[in-house]
């Protein structure tokens, strides 16, 4: 959640992928910035705001917070209704077990990923997302749990792990996310959740 001026400065330095937590902020910011920005929505998305988000941000590239079949189905319908290109999505997994966090329980991530891949033709299942614990005490375990979920999902869906992105880490714990990802699978397929 950074001001337009800050985003423009980072854009001018060559960055093209930006994330936003709030639907209305993204709808307000996107038209003020270059059209070639790839926007990622990383906040909780209520199904009644899906149409406004997709219609208001034509350059929305990904929703990283699909946490149940209802929002997956709604996004799928809205993409079809608007005639948009297929939308990339990440399944959000609550690896910390905190009730205040959104995301499917790790035991349900395979089922939700399978639903997106097989039942939502206008969505592209692209991977998994998690947010570590607020106090960062269990953050490494949260990231390891997401890596385990990826293995299960990829085995079930028959896709290579390198084609299943992991989005984990906020401003204060992104270094742990990078370290975990590189240690676990020696991959360069990682993302850093941040608001700019």
Protein backbone atom coordinates (compact mmCIF):
# COMPACT_ATOMS: atom_id res chain seq x y z
CA UNK A 1 0.00 0.00 0.00
CA UNK A 2 2.39 2.62 -1.29
CA UNK A 3 1.57 6.00 -2.86
CA UNK A 4 1.46 6.37 -6.63
CA UNK A 5 4.64 8.48 -6.59
CA UNK A 6 6.63 5.74 -4.87
CA UNK A 7 5.32 3.11 -7.29
CA UNK A 8 6.20 5.32 -10.25
CA UNK A 9 9.75 5.74 -8.93
CA UNK A 10 10.20 1.98 -8.65
CA UNK A 11 8.65 1.57 -12.11
CA UNK A 12 11.09 4.12 -13.53
CA UNK A 13 13.91 2.02 -12.06
CA UNK A 14 12.71 -0.91 -14.19
CA UNK A 15 10.31 -2.88 -11.99
CA UNK A 16 7.05 -3.98 -13.64
CA UNK A 17 5.26 -6.24 -11.14
CA UNK A 18 3.44 -4.64 -8.20
CA UNK A 19 1.07 -5.93 -5.53
CA UNK A 20 -1.79 -4.29 -3.70
CA UNK A 21 -3.81 -5.38 -0.67
CA UNK A 22 -7.00 -3.38 -1.12
CA UNK A 23 -9.47 -3.51 -4.01
CA UNK A 24 -10.39 0.18 -4.05
CA UNK A 25 -6.78 1.34 -3.75
CA UNK A 26 -5.80 -0.81 -6.72
CA UNK A 27 -8.78 0.41 -8.76
CA UNK A 28 -7.78 4.01 -7.94
CA UNK A 29 -4.02 3.60 -8.55
CA UNK A 30 -3.92 1.48 -11.71
CA UNK A 31 -5.25 4.16 -14.11
CA UNK A 32 -2.66 6.65 -12.80
CA UNK A 33 0.25 4.39 -13.69
CA UNK A 34 1.66 2.88 -16.91
CA UNK A 35 -0.47 0.20 -18.56
CA UNK A 36 2.36 -2.33 -18.77
CA UNK A 37 2.43 -2.84 -15.00
CA UNK A 38 1.52 -6.40 -14.02
CA UNK A 39 -0.71 -5.97 -10.99
CA UNK A 40 -1.08 -8.69 -8.37
CA UNK A 41 -3.91 -8.54 -5.88
CA UNK A 42 -2.59 -9.97 -2.60
CA UNK A 43 -5.31 -9.08 -0.10
CA UNK A 44 -8.45 -10.92 0.92
CA UNK A 45 -10.97 -10.69 -1.90
CA UNK A 46 -14.68 -10.83 -1.17
CA UNK A 47 -16.71 -12.36 -4.00
CA UNK A 48 -18.92 -9.25 -4.25
CA UNK A 49 -15.83 -7.17 -5.17
CA UNK A 50 -14.41 -9.51 -7.83
CA UNK A 51 -16.20 -7.84 -10.74
CA UNK A 52 -15.18 -4.33 -9.67
CA UNK A 53 -11.56 -5.44 -9.35
CA UNK A 54 -11.37 -7.21 -12.71
CA UNK A 55 -13.28 -4.51 -14.59
CA UNK A 56 -11.41 -1.69 -12.88
CA UNK A 57 -7.90 -3.07 -13.40
CA UNK A 58 -7.53 -4.43 -16.96
CA UNK A 59 -3.83 -5.12 -16.34
CA UNK A 60 -4.54 -7.32 -13.30
CA UNK A 61 -2.25 -10.27 -13.91
CA UNK A 62 -2.84 -12.38 -10.81
CA UNK A 63 -4.96 -12.83 -7.69
CA UNK A 64 -2.75 -14.36 -5.00
CA UNK A 65 -5.44 -14.90 -2.39
CA UNK A 66 -7.88 -17.55 -3.64
CA UNK A 67 -8.84 -19.31 -0.41
CA UNK A 68 -12.04 -21.17 -1.22
CA UNK A 69 -14.09 -22.55 -4.12
CA UNK A 70 -16.62 -19.72 -3.88
CA UNK A 71 -14.08 -17.02 -4.77
CA UNK A 72 -12.49 -19.25 -7.42
CA UNK A 73 -15.88 -19.81 -9.06
CA UNK A 74 -16.75 -16.12 -8.88
CA UNK A 75 -13.44 -15.05 -10.46
CA UNK A 76 -13.91 -17.68 -13.17
CA UNK A 77 -17.39 -16.35 -14.02
CA UNK A 78 -16.32 -12.70 -13.99
CA UNK A 79 -13.33 -13.36 -16.26
CA UNK A 80 -15.67 -15.11 -18.71
CA UNK A 81 -18.33 -12.37 -18.50
CA UNK A 82 -15.76 -9.63 -19.15
CA UNK A 83 -14.09 -11.54 -21.98
CA UNK A 84 -10.70 -11.15 -20.30
CA UNK A 85 -7.72 -13.36 -20.94
CA UNK A 86 -7.43 -16.15 -18.34
CA UNK A 87 -6.42 -14.87 -14.91
CA UNK A 88 -3.50 -16.38 -13.02
CA UNK A 89 -4.30 -17.29 -9.42
CA UNK A 90 -2.49 -18.57 -6.37
CA UNK A 91 -4.22 -20.63 -3.70
CA UNK A 92 -3.72 -18.98 -0.31
CA UNK A 93 -2.81 -21.48 2.41
CA UNK A 94 -3.05 -20.68 6.12
CA UNK A 95 0.15 -22.42 7.21
CA UNK A 96 0.28 -20.67 10.59
CA UNK A 97 -3.11 -21.91 11.76
CA UNK A 98 -3.96 -18.44 13.02
CA UNK A 99 -7.71 -17.80 13.04
CA UNK A 100 -7.12 -14.17 12.08
CA UNK A 101 -5.49 -15.22 8.80
CA UNK A 102 -7.25 -16.09 5.58
CA UNK A 103 -6.36 -19.15 3.56
CA UNK A 104 -7.34 -22.75 3.17
CA UNK A 105 -6.03 -25.21 5.74
CA UNK A 106 -2.97 -27.08 4.41
CA UNK A 107 -5.05 -30.28 4.35
CA UNK A 108 -7.42 -28.62 1.86
CA UNK A 109 -4.92 -27.02 -0.49
CA UNK A 110 -4.75 -30.00 -2.86
CA UNK A 111 -8.53 -30.04 -3.22
CA UNK A 112 -8.76 -26.31 -3.88
CA UNK A 113 -5.86 -26.33 -6.34
CA UNK A 114 -7.49 -29.26 -8.15
CA UNK A 115 -10.80 -27.39 -8.28
CA UNK A 116 -9.16 -24.30 -9.80
CA UNK A 117 -7.22 -26.34 -12.36
CA UNK A 118 -10.04 -28.66 -13.41
CA UNK A 119 -13.24 -26.67 -12.84
CA UNK A 120 -12.30 -23.06 -13.58
CA UNK A 121 -11.36 -22.80 -17.27
CA UNK A 122 -10.87 -19.03 -17.10
CA UNK A 123 -8.32 -19.27 -14.28
CA UNK A 124 -4.73 -20.47 -14.48
CA UNK A 125 -3.57 -22.25 -11.35
CA UNK A 126 -0.09 -20.80 -10.86
CA UNK A 127 0.94 -21.79 -7.33
CA UNK A 128 0.50 -21.22 -3.61
CA UNK A 129 0.73 -18.25 -1.26
CA UNK A 130 1.09 -17.92 2.51
CA UNK A 131 1.76 -15.25 5.09
CA UNK A 132 3.92 -16.19 8.09
CA UNK A 133 3.02 -15.54 11.71
CA UNK A 134 2.84 -11.92 12.78
CA UNK A 135 5.52 -12.35 15.46
CA UNK A 136 7.73 -14.26 12.97
CA UNK A 137 8.46 -16.92 15.61
CA UNK A 138 7.23 -19.76 13.41
CA UNK A 139 7.78 -18.16 10.03
CA UNK A 140 10.40 -20.67 8.81
CA UNK A 141 8.04 -23.54 9.68
CA UNK A 142 5.20 -21.77 7.87
CA UNK A 143 7.32 -21.48 4.73
CA UNK A 144 8.43 -25.13 4.98
CA UNK A 145 4.78 -26.14 5.30
CA UNK A 146 3.97 -24.29 2.07
CA UNK A 147 6.84 -26.04 0.31
CA UNK A 148 5.38 -29.38 1.47
CA UNK A 149 1.95 -28.32 0.21
CA UNK A 150 3.46 -27.54 -3.18
CA UNK A 151 4.91 -31.04 -3.42
CA UNK A 152 1.53 -32.60 -2.61
CA UNK A 153 -0.31 -30.36 -5.08
CA UNK A 154 2.19 -31.01 -7.87
CA UNK A 155 2.12 -34.77 -7.27
CA UNK A 156 -1.70 -34.77 -7.38
CA UNK A 157 -1.98 -32.52 -10.44
CA UNK A 158 0.98 -34.03 -12.27
CA UNK A 159 2.81 -30.75 -12.76
CA UNK A 160 6.51 -30.05 -12.19
CA UNK A 161 7.26 -28.17 -8.96
CA UNK A 162 9.11 -25.46 -10.86
CA UNK A 163 5.80 -24.59 -12.56
CA UNK A 164 4.09 -24.04 -9.20
CA UNK A 165 5.09 -20.64 -7.77
CA UNK A 166 5.44 -19.97 -4.08
CA UNK A 167 4.55 -16.51 -2.83
CA UNK A 168 5.63 -16.02 0.76
CA UNK A 169 7.21 -13.36 2.89
CA UNK A 170 6.29 -9.79 3.67
CA UNK A 171 8.62 -6.82 4.12
CA UNK A 172 9.85 -8.00 7.52
CA UNK A 173 10.38 -11.68 6.69
CA UNK A 174 11.09 -11.86 2.96
CA UNK A 175 14.71 -12.85 3.58
CA UNK A 176 13.51 -15.95 5.44
CA UNK A 177 11.18 -16.73 2.54
CA UNK A 178 14.00 -16.48 0.01
CA UNK A 179 16.34 -18.54 2.19
CA UNK A 180 13.71 -21.24 2.70
CA UNK A 181 12.82 -21.46 -0.96
CA UNK A 182 16.41 -21.70 -2.11
CA UNK A 183 17.28 -24.28 0.57
CA UNK A 184 14.22 -26.42 -0.03
CA UNK A 185 14.20 -26.76 -3.79
CA UNK A 186 17.16 -24.87 -5.21
CA UNK A 187 14.69 -22.96 -7.34
CA UNK A 188 14.64 -19.40 -8.52
CA UNK A 189 10.83 -19.48 -8.66
CA UNK A 190 10.02 -17.32 -5.67
CA UNK A 191 8.11 -14.14 -5.10
CA UNK A 192 8.22 -11.57 -2.40
CA UNK A 193 4.87 -10.37 -1.12
CA UNK A 194 5.04 -6.62 -0.65
CA UNK A 195 2.87 -3.67 -1.37
CA UNK A 196 5.16 -1.98 -3.85
